[in-house]
Amino acid sequence: MQQDKILIETTKTHRARLASALSYGPLGRRRPVNTNAKRFIGSVVLAAVAGVGCMGYGFVSNLLLQQRENAALASFQQAMASNPLPETETRTLDEDTGFLVDSETGEWIDPQTGFVVDPETMLATDPQGNIIDPRLDWFYDPETGYYTDPATGITIDPVTMETVREPR
């Protein structure tokens, strides 16, 4: 009687295993070992994509900001050039230099910028203390004699007509 019972139980177990294999596939595919390697690789790829996306967004937004600033500066300079300071009773235009001469103070004034010009050097000083050549609207360094473009920051030696690269 015991052997019959064991045979019936064994048959039931075999049938259950065959039904599971038919329904869910082979045993090796049903019980995979979870190593989390796929999750780790996916996380690394996702982090790299997010980092590149953030870096690209920062680059593009900075580039657009610089373009906006340069366009605003060019627009401002164009507006200043097209709308110089007007002559008044005390300020008259000197035809030789193109500067306004204030008869009360004796100062020479650049009509484009409104900065006071030194009559000896013909250079002006802006409110930040930068020395500017009113003919070019570039910064001038009296120690080296170099000119610097305020829009791009490029420095040029007027003697050799080459750009100057300062050591960093």
N, C-alpha and C. Protein backbone atom coordinates (compact mmCIF):
# COMPACT_ATOMS: atom_id res chain seq x y z
N MET A 1 0.81 -1.17 0.00
CA MET A 1 0.00 0.00 0.00
C MET A 1 0.87 1.26 0.00
N GLN A 2 1.96 1.18 0.71
CA GLN A 2 2.86 2.32 0.77
C GLN A 2 3.49 2.57 -0.59
N GLN A 3 3.81 1.55 -1.33
CA GLN A 3 4.43 1.73 -2.64
C GLN A 3 3.45 2.36 -3.61
N ASP A 4 2.19 2.00 -3.53
CA ASP A 4 1.18 2.61 -4.40
C ASP A 4 1.05 4.10 -4.12
N LYS A 5 1.07 4.44 -2.84
CA LYS A 5 0.94 5.83 -2.44
C LYS A 5 2.13 6.63 -2.95
N ILE A 6 3.31 6.08 -2.84
CA ILE A 6 4.52 6.76 -3.30
C ILE A 6 4.48 6.93 -4.82
N LEU A 7 4.03 5.91 -5.53
CA LEU A 7 3.93 5.98 -6.98
C LEU A 7 2.93 7.05 -7.42
N ILE A 8 1.81 7.13 -6.72
CA ILE A 8 0.80 8.15 -7.06
C ILE A 8 1.35 9.55 -6.77
N GLU A 9 2.02 9.73 -5.66
CA GLU A 9 2.60 11.05 -5.32
C GLU A 9 3.68 11.44 -6.33
N THR A 10 4.49 10.49 -6.73
CA THR A 10 5.55 10.77 -7.70
C THR A 10 4.94 11.15 -9.04
N THR A 11 3.91 10.47 -9.44
CA THR A 11 3.24 10.79 -10.71
C THR A 11 2.63 12.18 -10.65
N LYS A 12 1.99 12.50 -9.52
CA LYS A 12 1.42 13.84 -9.36
C LYS A 12 2.49 14.91 -9.47
N THR A 13 3.62 14.67 -8.84
CA THR A 13 4.72 15.64 -8.87
C THR A 13 5.26 15.81 -10.29
N HIS A 14 5.42 14.68 -11.00
CA HIS A 14 5.91 14.76 -12.39
C HIS A 14 4.93 15.51 -13.27
N ARG A 15 3.66 15.24 -13.11
CA ARG A 15 2.64 15.94 -13.92
C ARG A 15 2.63 17.44 -13.60
N ALA A 16 2.77 17.78 -12.32
CA ALA A 16 2.81 19.22 -11.94
C ALA A 16 4.03 19.91 -12.54
N ARG A 17 5.17 19.21 -12.50
CA ARG A 17 6.39 19.80 -13.09
C ARG A 17 6.27 19.94 -14.59
N LEU A 18 5.70 18.93 -15.27
CA LEU A 18 5.50 19.02 -16.72
C LEU A 18 4.53 20.15 -17.07
N ALA A 19 3.46 20.29 -16.29
CA ALA A 19 2.50 21.38 -16.54
C ALA A 19 3.14 22.74 -16.33
N SER A 20 3.99 22.87 -15.30
CA SER A 20 4.69 24.14 -15.05
C SER A 20 5.68 24.43 -16.16
N ALA A 21 6.39 23.41 -16.61
CA ALA A 21 7.36 23.61 -17.69
C ALA A 21 6.65 24.02 -18.97
N LEU A 22 5.48 23.42 -19.22
CA LEU A 22 4.71 23.78 -20.41
C LEU A 22 4.17 25.20 -20.30
N SER A 23 3.73 25.57 -19.11
CA SER A 23 3.13 26.89 -18.91
C SER A 23 4.18 28.01 -18.80
N TYR A 24 5.24 27.77 -18.05
CA TYR A 24 6.20 28.84 -17.73
C TYR A 24 7.57 28.69 -18.36
N GLY A 25 7.82 27.65 -19.08
CA GLY A 25 9.12 27.46 -19.72
C GLY A 25 10.01 26.57 -18.89
N PRO A 26 11.27 26.33 -19.40
CA PRO A 26 12.19 25.44 -18.70
C PRO A 26 12.60 26.01 -17.33
N LEU A 27 13.09 25.17 -16.51
CA LEU A 27 13.42 25.53 -15.14
C LEU A 27 14.52 26.60 -15.07
N GLY A 28 15.49 26.55 -15.97
CA GLY A 28 16.58 27.52 -15.99
C GLY A 28 16.10 28.95 -16.26
N ARG A 29 15.05 29.07 -17.05
CA ARG A 29 14.52 30.41 -17.35
C ARG A 29 13.57 30.89 -16.26
N ARG A 30 13.01 29.98 -15.50
CA ARG A 30 12.07 30.37 -14.47
C ARG A 30 12.76 30.90 -13.23
N ARG A 31 13.97 30.47 -12.99
CA ARG A 31 14.66 30.86 -11.77
C ARG A 31 15.99 31.54 -12.10
N PRO A 32 15.96 32.77 -12.66
CA PRO A 32 17.22 33.44 -12.98
C PRO A 32 17.90 33.94 -11.71
N VAL A 33 19.21 33.99 -11.76
CA VAL A 33 19.98 34.50 -10.64
C VAL A 33 20.01 36.02 -10.79
N ASN A 34 19.58 36.75 -9.78
CA ASN A 34 19.51 38.21 -9.82
C ASN A 34 20.85 38.78 -9.36
N THR A 35 21.65 39.30 -10.32
CA THR A 35 22.96 39.87 -9.99
C THR A 35 22.94 41.38 -9.97
N ASN A 36 21.87 42.01 -10.42
CA ASN A 36 21.73 43.48 -10.48
C ASN A 36 22.72 44.13 -11.44
N ALA A 37 23.39 43.33 -12.27
CA ALA A 37 24.34 43.89 -13.23
C ALA A 37 23.61 44.75 -14.26
N LYS A 38 22.45 44.31 -14.71
CA LYS A 38 21.68 45.08 -15.69
C LYS A 38 21.23 46.40 -15.09
N ARG A 39 20.81 46.38 -13.86
CA ARG A 39 20.39 47.61 -13.19
C ARG A 39 21.56 48.58 -13.06
N PHE A 40 22.72 48.07 -12.70
CA PHE A 40 23.90 48.92 -12.55
C PHE A 40 24.29 49.56 -13.87
N ILE A 41 24.35 48.76 -14.93
CA ILE A 41 24.71 49.28 -16.25
C ILE A 41 23.67 50.29 -16.71
N GLY A 42 22.41 49.99 -16.49
CA GLY A 42 21.35 50.93 -16.86
C GLY A 42 21.47 52.24 -16.09
N SER A 43 21.80 52.16 -14.82
CA SER A 43 21.96 53.37 -14.00
C SER A 43 23.14 54.20 -14.48
N VAL A 44 24.24 53.55 -14.84
CA VAL A 44 25.41 54.28 -15.34
C VAL A 44 25.08 54.97 -16.66
N VAL A 45 24.40 54.28 -17.55
CA VAL A 45 24.01 54.87 -18.84
C VAL A 45 23.06 56.04 -18.62
N LEU A 46 22.09 55.88 -17.74
CA LEU A 46 21.14 56.94 -17.44
C LEU A 46 21.83 58.16 -16.84
N ALA A 47 22.78 57.93 -15.93
CA ALA A 47 23.53 59.04 -15.33
C ALA A 47 24.37 59.76 -16.38
N ALA A 48 24.99 59.02 -17.29
CA ALA A 48 25.79 59.64 -18.35
C ALA A 48 24.91 60.48 -19.27
N VAL A 49 23.75 59.96 -19.64
CA VAL A 49 22.84 60.71 -20.50
C VAL A 49 22.36 61.98 -19.79
N ALA A 50 22.03 61.87 -18.51
CA ALA A 50 21.59 63.04 -17.76
C ALA A 50 22.70 64.07 -17.64
N GLY A 51 23.93 63.62 -17.39
CA GLY A 51 25.07 64.54 -17.30
C GLY A 51 25.33 65.26 -18.61
N VAL A 52 25.32 64.53 -19.70
CA VAL A 52 25.53 65.15 -21.01
C VAL A 52 24.40 66.11 -21.34
N GLY A 53 23.19 65.75 -20.97
CA GLY A 53 22.06 66.65 -21.21
C GLY A 53 22.19 67.95 -20.43
N CYS A 54 22.58 67.87 -19.17
CA CYS A 54 22.77 69.08 -18.36
C CYS A 54 23.92 69.93 -18.90
N MET A 55 25.00 69.28 -19.29
CA MET A 55 26.14 70.02 -19.82
C MET A 55 25.77 70.70 -21.14
N GLY A 56 25.06 70.01 -22.00
CA GLY A 56 24.62 70.61 -23.26
C GLY A 56 23.67 71.78 -23.03
N TYR A 57 22.76 71.62 -22.08
CA TYR A 57 21.84 72.73 -21.77
C TYR A 57 22.61 73.95 -21.27
N GLY A 58 23.60 73.73 -20.39
CA GLY A 58 24.40 74.84 -19.88
C GLY A 58 25.18 75.52 -21.00
N PHE A 59 25.76 74.72 -21.91
CA PHE A 59 26.53 75.30 -23.01
C PHE A 59 25.64 76.13 -23.92
N VAL A 60 24.49 75.59 -24.29
CA VAL A 60 23.60 76.31 -25.21
C VAL A 60 23.04 77.56 -24.54
N SER A 61 22.65 77.47 -23.27
CA SER A 61 22.10 78.66 -22.61
C SER A 61 23.16 79.73 -22.45
N ASN A 62 24.42 79.36 -22.16
CA ASN A 62 25.50 80.33 -22.06
C ASN A 62 25.78 80.96 -23.42
N LEU A 63 25.76 80.17 -24.46
CA LEU A 63 25.99 80.69 -25.81
C LEU A 63 24.90 81.68 -26.20
N LEU A 64 23.66 81.35 -25.91
CA LEU A 64 22.56 82.26 -26.22
C LEU A 64 22.65 83.54 -25.40
N LEU A 65 23.08 83.44 -24.14
CA LEU A 65 23.24 84.62 -23.30
C LEU A 65 24.34 85.53 -23.85
N GLN A 66 25.46 84.94 -24.27
CA GLN A 66 26.54 85.74 -24.85
C GLN A 66 26.09 86.43 -26.13
N GLN A 67 25.33 85.73 -26.97
CA GLN A 67 24.84 86.34 -28.20
C GLN A 67 23.90 87.50 -27.89
N ARG A 68 23.04 87.32 -26.88
CA ARG A 68 22.14 88.41 -26.49
C ARG A 68 22.91 89.61 -25.97
N GLU A 69 23.93 89.35 -25.14
CA GLU A 69 24.73 90.45 -24.60
C GLU A 69 25.49 91.17 -25.71
N ASN A 70 26.08 90.42 -26.63
CA ASN A 70 26.81 91.05 -27.73
C ASN A 70 25.88 91.86 -28.62
N ALA A 71 24.69 91.34 -28.88
CA ALA A 71 23.72 92.09 -29.69
C ALA A 71 23.28 93.36 -28.97
N ALA A 72 23.10 93.28 -27.66
CA ALA A 72 22.71 94.47 -26.90
C ALA A 72 23.82 95.51 -26.91
N LEU A 73 25.06 95.05 -26.76
CA LEU A 73 26.20 95.96 -26.77
C LEU A 73 26.34 96.63 -28.14
N ALA A 74 26.21 95.85 -29.20
CA ALA A 74 26.30 96.42 -30.55
C ALA A 74 25.16 97.41 -30.80
N SER A 75 23.99 97.08 -30.34
CA SER A 75 22.85 97.98 -30.50
C SER A 75 23.07 99.27 -29.73
N PHE A 76 23.60 99.14 -28.51
CA PHE A 76 23.87 100.33 -27.70
C PHE A 76 24.91 101.21 -28.36
N GLN A 77 26.00 100.59 -28.84
CA GLN A 77 27.05 101.38 -29.48
C GLN A 77 26.55 102.05 -30.75
N GLN A 78 25.72 101.35 -31.51
CA GLN A 78 25.16 101.93 -32.72
C GLN A 78 24.24 103.10 -32.38
N ALA A 79 23.44 102.94 -31.34
CA ALA A 79 22.55 104.03 -30.93
C ALA A 79 23.34 105.23 -30.44
N MET A 80 24.42 104.97 -29.70
CA MET A 80 25.25 106.08 -29.22
C MET A 80 25.93 106.79 -30.38
N ALA A 81 26.38 106.03 -31.37
CA ALA A 81 27.06 106.64 -32.51
C ALA A 81 26.09 107.46 -33.36
N SER A 82 24.85 106.99 -33.44
CA SER A 82 23.89 107.72 -34.27
C SER A 82 23.23 108.87 -33.53
N ASN A 83 23.37 108.92 -32.21
CA ASN A 83 22.78 110.00 -31.42
C ASN A 83 23.84 110.64 -30.54
N PRO A 84 24.77 111.40 -31.12
CA PRO A 84 25.82 112.00 -30.30
C PRO A 84 25.24 113.10 -29.41
N LEU A 85 26.05 113.51 -28.43
CA LEU A 85 25.63 114.61 -27.56
C LEU A 85 25.41 115.86 -28.40
N PRO A 86 24.35 116.59 -28.14
CA PRO A 86 24.10 117.79 -28.95
C PRO A 86 24.98 118.96 -28.50
N GLU A 87 25.17 119.89 -29.41
CA GLU A 87 25.87 121.11 -29.06
C GLU A 87 24.92 122.00 -28.26
N THR A 88 25.49 122.72 -27.32
CA THR A 88 24.71 123.68 -26.53
C THR A 88 25.41 125.02 -26.59
N GLU A 89 24.91 125.97 -25.81
CA GLU A 89 25.54 127.29 -25.81
C GLU A 89 26.95 127.23 -25.25
N THR A 90 27.17 126.35 -24.27
CA THR A 90 28.50 126.26 -23.67
C THR A 90 29.36 125.18 -24.30
N ARG A 91 28.74 124.24 -25.02
CA ARG A 91 29.49 123.17 -25.67
C ARG A 91 29.42 123.34 -27.18
N THR A 92 30.57 123.52 -27.79
CA THR A 92 30.62 123.67 -29.24
C THR A 92 31.53 122.60 -29.83
N LEU A 93 31.25 122.23 -31.05
CA LEU A 93 32.01 121.17 -31.71
C LEU A 93 33.29 121.75 -32.30
N ASP A 94 34.42 121.15 -31.96
CA ASP A 94 35.71 121.51 -32.53
C ASP A 94 35.85 120.73 -33.82
N GLU A 95 35.91 121.41 -34.93
CA GLU A 95 35.95 120.77 -36.26
C GLU A 95 37.21 119.94 -36.46
N ASP A 96 38.33 120.35 -35.88
CA ASP A 96 39.59 119.63 -36.07
C ASP A 96 39.59 118.28 -35.37
N THR A 97 39.08 118.22 -34.14
CA THR A 97 39.14 116.99 -33.36
C THR A 97 37.84 116.20 -33.39
N GLY A 98 36.71 116.87 -33.60
CA GLY A 98 35.41 116.21 -33.55
C GLY A 98 34.87 116.10 -32.15
N PHE A 99 35.55 116.71 -31.16
CA PHE A 99 35.08 116.68 -29.78
C PHE A 99 34.33 117.96 -29.47
N LEU A 100 33.48 117.87 -28.45
CA LEU A 100 32.80 119.06 -27.95
C LEU A 100 33.72 119.75 -26.96
N VAL A 101 33.79 121.08 -27.04
CA VAL A 101 34.61 121.86 -26.11
C VAL A 101 33.66 122.66 -25.24
N ASP A 102 33.76 122.44 -23.91
CA ASP A 102 32.92 123.17 -22.97
C ASP A 102 33.63 124.48 -22.65
N SER A 103 32.98 125.62 -22.99
CA SER A 103 33.61 126.92 -22.80
C SER A 103 33.68 127.31 -21.33
N GLU A 104 32.83 126.78 -20.48
CA GLU A 104 32.86 127.13 -19.06
C GLU A 104 33.98 126.39 -18.33
N THR A 105 34.14 125.10 -18.56
CA THR A 105 35.15 124.31 -17.84
C THR A 105 36.42 124.09 -18.65
N GLY A 106 36.37 124.26 -19.95
CA GLY A 106 37.53 124.02 -20.80
C GLY A 106 37.75 122.54 -21.09
N GLU A 107 36.82 121.67 -20.71
CA GLU A 107 36.95 120.24 -20.94
C GLU A 107 36.58 119.88 -22.36
N TRP A 108 37.24 118.86 -22.86
CA TRP A 108 36.88 118.31 -24.15
C TRP A 108 36.03 117.07 -23.86
N ILE A 109 34.93 116.92 -24.59
CA ILE A 109 33.98 115.82 -24.34
C ILE A 109 33.78 115.04 -25.63
N ASP A 110 33.85 113.72 -25.50
CA ASP A 110 33.57 112.84 -26.64
C ASP A 110 32.06 112.85 -26.88
N PRO A 111 31.58 113.28 -28.06
CA PRO A 111 30.13 113.35 -28.27
C PRO A 111 29.43 111.99 -28.32
N GLN A 112 30.17 110.91 -28.62
CA GLN A 112 29.55 109.58 -28.67
C GLN A 112 29.30 109.02 -27.29
N THR A 113 30.28 109.15 -26.40
CA THR A 113 30.17 108.52 -25.09
C THR A 113 29.85 109.48 -23.97
N GLY A 114 30.21 110.76 -24.15
CA GLY A 114 30.01 111.74 -23.08
C GLY A 114 31.16 111.76 -22.09
N PHE A 115 32.25 111.01 -22.36
CA PHE A 115 33.40 110.97 -21.47
C PHE A 115 34.29 112.18 -21.72
N VAL A 116 34.93 112.65 -20.66
CA VAL A 116 35.86 113.77 -20.78
C VAL A 116 37.14 113.25 -21.40
N VAL A 117 37.66 114.02 -22.39
CA VAL A 117 38.85 113.62 -23.14
C VAL A 117 40.03 114.48 -22.71
N ASP A 118 41.19 113.84 -22.51
CA ASP A 118 42.41 114.57 -22.20
C ASP A 118 42.93 115.18 -23.50
N PRO A 119 43.07 116.52 -23.57
CA PRO A 119 43.49 117.15 -24.84
C PRO A 119 44.93 116.81 -25.25
N GLU A 120 45.77 116.39 -24.32
CA GLU A 120 47.15 116.05 -24.66
C GLU A 120 47.25 114.67 -25.30
N THR A 121 46.58 113.69 -24.69
CA THR A 121 46.67 112.31 -25.19
C THR A 121 45.51 111.94 -26.11
N MET A 122 44.43 112.72 -26.07
CA MET A 122 43.21 112.46 -26.84
C MET A 122 42.57 111.13 -26.42
N LEU A 123 42.73 110.76 -25.15
CA LEU A 123 42.14 109.56 -24.61
C LEU A 123 41.12 109.93 -23.54
N ALA A 124 40.10 109.10 -23.39
CA ALA A 124 39.04 109.34 -22.41
C ALA A 124 39.11 108.27 -21.33
N THR A 125 38.50 108.55 -20.17
CA THR A 125 38.42 107.58 -19.08
C THR A 125 36.96 107.33 -18.77
N ASP A 126 36.56 106.05 -18.76
CA ASP A 126 35.16 105.73 -18.46
C ASP A 126 34.95 105.68 -16.95
N PRO A 127 33.70 105.55 -16.49
CA PRO A 127 33.44 105.53 -15.04
C PRO A 127 34.12 104.38 -14.29
N GLN A 128 34.47 103.28 -14.96
CA GLN A 128 35.16 102.17 -14.30
C GLN A 128 36.67 102.39 -14.22
N GLY A 129 37.15 103.48 -14.80
CA GLY A 129 38.58 103.78 -14.76
C GLY A 129 39.36 103.26 -15.94
N ASN A 130 38.69 102.69 -16.93
CA ASN A 130 39.38 102.20 -18.13
C ASN A 130 39.69 103.37 -19.05
N ILE A 131 40.87 103.36 -19.62
CA ILE A 131 41.24 104.39 -20.58
C ILE A 131 40.78 103.94 -21.96
N ILE A 132 40.06 104.81 -22.66
CA ILE A 132 39.46 104.47 -23.94
C ILE A 132 39.96 105.43 -25.01
N ASP A 133 40.24 104.88 -26.19
CA ASP A 133 40.55 105.71 -27.35
C ASP A 133 39.22 106.01 -28.04
N PRO A 134 38.75 107.26 -28.02
CA PRO A 134 37.44 107.57 -28.59
C PRO A 134 37.32 107.33 -30.09
N ARG A 135 38.44 107.29 -30.80
CA ARG A 135 38.38 107.02 -32.23
C ARG A 135 37.97 105.59 -32.51
N LEU A 136 38.40 104.67 -31.63
CA LEU A 136 38.16 103.24 -31.85
C LEU A 136 37.11 102.66 -30.91
N ASP A 137 36.91 103.31 -29.77
CA ASP A 137 36.07 102.79 -28.68
C ASP A 137 36.67 101.50 -28.12
N TRP A 138 37.99 101.38 -28.14
CA TRP A 138 38.70 100.26 -27.55
C TRP A 138 39.43 100.75 -26.32
N PHE A 139 39.68 99.82 -25.37
CA PHE A 139 40.46 100.15 -24.18
C PHE A 139 41.92 100.31 -24.59
N TYR A 140 42.60 101.24 -23.90
CA TYR A 140 44.02 101.48 -24.18
C TYR A 140 44.79 101.28 -22.88
N ASP A 141 45.91 100.54 -22.96
CA ASP A 141 46.77 100.33 -21.80
C ASP A 141 48.01 101.20 -21.97
N PRO A 142 48.15 102.28 -21.16
CA PRO A 142 49.29 103.18 -21.36
C PRO A 142 50.64 102.55 -21.02
N GLU A 143 50.66 101.51 -20.18
CA GLU A 143 51.93 100.87 -19.83
C GLU A 143 52.51 100.07 -20.99
N THR A 144 51.65 99.34 -21.71
CA THR A 144 52.13 98.50 -22.80
C THR A 144 51.88 99.09 -24.18
N GLY A 145 50.90 99.99 -24.26
CA GLY A 145 50.53 100.55 -25.56
C GLY A 145 49.59 99.66 -26.34
N TYR A 146 49.04 98.63 -25.71
CA TYR A 146 48.14 97.68 -26.37
C TYR A 146 46.71 98.19 -26.33
N TYR A 147 45.93 97.79 -27.34
CA TYR A 147 44.50 98.08 -27.39
C TYR A 147 43.72 96.80 -27.15
N THR A 148 42.60 96.89 -26.41
CA THR A 148 41.77 95.73 -26.12
C THR A 148 40.35 96.03 -26.55
N ASP A 149 39.78 95.11 -27.32
CA ASP A 149 38.38 95.23 -27.75
C ASP A 149 37.47 94.96 -26.56
N PRO A 150 36.59 95.90 -26.18
CA PRO A 150 35.74 95.65 -25.01
C PRO A 150 34.70 94.56 -25.25
N ALA A 151 34.33 94.31 -26.48
CA ALA A 151 33.31 93.30 -26.76
C ALA A 151 33.87 91.88 -26.67
N THR A 152 35.07 91.66 -27.20
CA THR A 152 35.61 90.30 -27.25
C THR A 152 36.75 90.06 -26.27
N GLY A 153 37.40 91.13 -25.80
CA GLY A 153 38.53 90.97 -24.89
C GLY A 153 39.83 90.66 -25.61
N ILE A 154 39.87 90.77 -26.93
CA ILE A 154 41.08 90.49 -27.70
C ILE A 154 42.01 91.70 -27.61
N THR A 155 43.27 91.46 -27.31
CA THR A 155 44.26 92.52 -27.18
C THR A 155 45.15 92.51 -28.41
N ILE A 156 45.43 93.72 -28.92
CA ILE A 156 46.22 93.87 -30.15
C ILE A 156 47.37 94.83 -29.89
N ASP A 157 48.53 94.48 -30.43
CA ASP A 157 49.69 95.38 -30.40
C ASP A 157 49.62 96.24 -31.66
N PRO A 158 49.43 97.57 -31.53
CA PRO A 158 49.28 98.41 -32.73
C PRO A 158 50.56 98.56 -33.53
N VAL A 159 51.70 98.26 -32.95
CA VAL A 159 52.96 98.39 -33.67
C VAL A 159 53.14 97.22 -34.64
N THR A 160 52.94 96.00 -34.14
CA THR A 160 53.13 94.81 -34.98
C THR A 160 51.84 94.35 -35.64
N MET A 161 50.70 94.90 -35.19
CA MET A 161 49.38 94.54 -35.70
C MET A 161 49.11 93.03 -35.54
N GLU A 162 49.50 92.51 -34.38
CA GLU A 162 49.25 91.12 -34.05
C GLU A 162 48.53 91.04 -32.72
N THR A 163 47.79 89.95 -32.53
CA THR A 163 47.12 89.78 -31.25
C THR A 163 48.14 89.39 -30.18
N VAL A 164 47.85 89.83 -28.96
CA VAL A 164 48.74 89.57 -27.85
C VAL A 164 48.09 88.52 -26.96
N ARG A 165 48.82 87.46 -26.71
CA ARG A 165 48.33 86.41 -25.81
C ARG A 165 49.12 86.52 -24.51
N GLU A 166 48.39 86.88 -23.47
CA GLU A 166 49.04 87.04 -22.18
C GLU A 166 49.22 85.68 -21.53
N PRO A 167 50.34 85.46 -20.82
CA PRO A 167 50.54 84.16 -20.15
C PRO A 167 49.52 84.00 -19.04
N ARG A 168 49.03 82.76 -18.91
CA ARG A 168 48.01 82.49 -17.89
C ARG A 168 48.63 81.83 -16.70
